[in-house]
Protein backbone atom coordinates (compact mmCIF):
# COMPACT_ATOMS: atom_id res chain seq x y z
CA MET A 1 33.55 -3.13 55.10
CA VAL A 2 35.60 -4.57 57.92
CA ASN A 3 37.69 -2.15 59.95
CA LYS A 4 41.36 -2.99 59.33
CA ASN A 5 42.28 -2.33 62.97
CA THR A 6 39.83 -4.93 64.27
CA TYR A 7 40.60 -7.47 61.57
CA TRP A 8 44.38 -7.50 62.01
CA ARG A 9 44.07 -8.37 65.65
CA LYS A 10 46.37 -10.29 67.91
CA ILE A 11 46.54 -14.08 67.64
CA ASP A 12 44.50 -15.87 70.30
CA GLY A 13 47.16 -17.39 72.56
CA SER A 14 44.95 -20.01 74.18
CA PHE A 15 43.75 -21.30 70.81
CA LEU A 16 47.31 -21.39 69.47
CA GLY A 17 48.42 -23.24 72.62
CA LEU A 18 45.71 -25.85 72.14
CA VAL A 19 46.62 -26.32 68.48
CA LEU A 20 50.31 -26.74 69.34
CA ALA A 21 49.48 -29.17 72.17
CA LEU A 22 47.38 -31.31 69.82
CA LEU A 23 50.16 -31.22 67.23
CA GLY A 24 52.67 -32.35 69.85
CA ILE A 25 50.45 -35.22 70.97
CA GLY A 26 49.92 -36.24 67.35
CA LEU A 27 53.64 -36.15 66.59
CA ALA A 28 54.37 -38.27 69.68
CA ALA A 29 51.73 -40.78 68.54
CA VAL A 30 53.19 -40.95 65.02
CA SER A 31 56.68 -41.39 66.43
CA SER A 32 55.75 -44.21 68.78
CA ALA A 33 53.42 -46.00 66.35
CA SER A 34 55.75 -45.95 63.34
CA ALA A 35 59.25 -46.43 64.75
CA VAL A 36 59.51 -50.16 64.02
CA LEU A 37 57.99 -49.94 60.55
CA SER A 38 60.18 -46.94 59.74
CA PHE A 39 63.29 -48.86 60.81
CA GLU A 40 62.31 -51.92 58.76
CA ARG A 41 61.59 -49.93 55.59
CA PHE A 42 64.12 -47.09 55.73
CA GLY A 43 66.83 -48.06 58.21
CA HIS A 44 66.11 -45.43 60.87
CA ASN A 45 63.36 -44.98 63.40
CA ASN A 46 62.24 -41.46 62.59
CA TYR A 47 61.43 -41.42 58.86
CA TYR A 48 57.68 -41.04 59.37
CA LEU A 49 58.18 -38.55 62.20
CA TYR A 50 60.35 -36.32 59.97
CA ARG A 51 57.80 -36.57 57.17
CA GLN A 52 54.99 -35.64 59.56
CA LEU A 53 57.09 -32.73 60.90
CA LEU A 54 57.51 -31.44 57.34
CA PHE A 55 53.76 -31.53 56.72
CA THR A 56 53.10 -30.00 60.15
CA GLY A 57 55.38 -27.09 59.31
CA ILE A 58 53.66 -26.58 55.95
CA GLY A 59 50.30 -26.72 57.69
CA LEU A 60 51.30 -24.15 60.31
CA VAL A 61 52.53 -21.75 57.62
CA LEU A 62 49.26 -22.17 55.71
CA LEU A 63 47.31 -21.70 58.96
CA TYR A 64 49.03 -18.36 59.48
CA VAL A 65 48.58 -17.24 55.86
CA PHE A 66 44.89 -18.13 55.75
CA SER A 67 44.25 -16.57 59.15
CA ARG A 68 45.38 -13.24 57.71
CA ILE A 69 42.87 -13.35 54.82
CA ASP A 70 39.57 -11.56 55.40
CA TYR A 71 36.89 -14.23 55.39
CA HIS A 72 34.56 -12.02 53.32
CA ILE A 73 36.80 -12.67 50.30
CA TRP A 74 35.67 -16.30 50.20
CA ARG A 75 32.08 -15.19 49.55
CA LYS A 76 32.86 -14.18 45.98
CA TRP A 77 34.88 -17.37 45.35
CA ASN A 78 32.52 -19.96 46.84
CA LYS A 79 30.61 -20.77 43.61
CA PHE A 80 33.85 -21.17 41.69
CA LEU A 81 35.25 -23.44 44.42
CA MET A 82 32.11 -25.61 44.33
CA LEU A 83 32.28 -25.95 40.54
CA ALA A 84 35.98 -26.78 40.72
CA ALA A 85 35.30 -29.42 43.39
CA ILE A 86 32.55 -31.03 41.30
CA PHE A 87 34.81 -30.99 38.24
CA LEU A 88 37.69 -32.60 40.15
CA LEU A 89 35.38 -35.24 41.64
CA GLY A 90 34.25 -36.16 38.11
CA LEU A 91 37.75 -35.97 36.64
CA VAL A 92 39.08 -38.52 39.09
CA LEU A 93 36.81 -41.15 37.48
CA VAL A 94 38.61 -40.88 34.12
CA PRO A 95 40.89 -43.97 34.02
CA SER A 96 43.95 -42.27 32.52
CA ILE A 97 43.78 -39.37 35.00
CA GLY A 98 42.47 -40.79 38.28
CA PHE A 99 44.76 -42.97 40.38
CA GLN A 100 43.41 -46.19 41.82
CA VAL A 101 44.26 -47.21 45.39
CA GLY A 102 42.76 -50.59 46.15
CA PRO A 103 39.31 -50.84 44.61
CA ALA A 104 38.67 -47.07 44.72
CA ARG A 105 39.64 -44.63 41.98
CA SER A 106 39.52 -41.50 44.08
CA TRP A 107 43.00 -39.99 43.93
CA PHE A 108 45.26 -37.90 41.73
CA SER A 109 48.92 -38.88 41.70
CA PHE A 110 51.61 -36.18 41.51
CA GLY A 111 54.83 -38.16 41.84
CA ALA A 112 55.30 -38.97 45.52
CA PHE A 113 52.17 -37.03 46.52
CA LEU A 114 48.61 -38.24 46.29
CA PHE A 115 45.70 -35.77 46.26
CA GLN A 116 42.15 -36.77 47.07
CA PRO A 117 39.67 -34.26 45.58
CA SER A 118 37.05 -35.14 48.19
CA GLU A 119 39.18 -33.28 50.76
CA PHE A 120 39.05 -30.16 48.59
CA ALA A 121 35.31 -30.70 48.12
CA LYS A 122 34.79 -30.73 51.91
CA LEU A 123 36.38 -27.29 52.18
CA ALA A 124 34.41 -26.00 49.19
CA VAL A 125 31.12 -27.15 50.76
CA ILE A 126 32.04 -25.48 54.06
CA PHE A 127 32.79 -22.19 52.29
CA TYR A 128 29.63 -22.46 50.20
CA LEU A 129 27.33 -23.17 53.14
CA ALA A 130 28.93 -20.58 55.40
């Protein structure tokens, strides 16, 4: 059993600083690389930047939430996650369910959002092997 006092420790400031610096560099790159295309398609320069900021915010919230979960919990879920990943990877091949982008049928479409089960499978394999 993990001692609660050692688990709920302070956030590592240097790691958080590096993550935020990389996010800032990435946002600057998205802004500079997509300004013209954003203006042509949507009438203002920052459409893709705002979209990326939204996903960055969601990612930071999820980073915080998952950093507060004891990693030992994943041990009991790893087999279920692997089976779910294999199921999703097979389900994407069903023509009426999987969404085709170009020649590859490797996506699920949920309105404006696309989900690629191989990304979930990568996390499941990491949890399983760890």
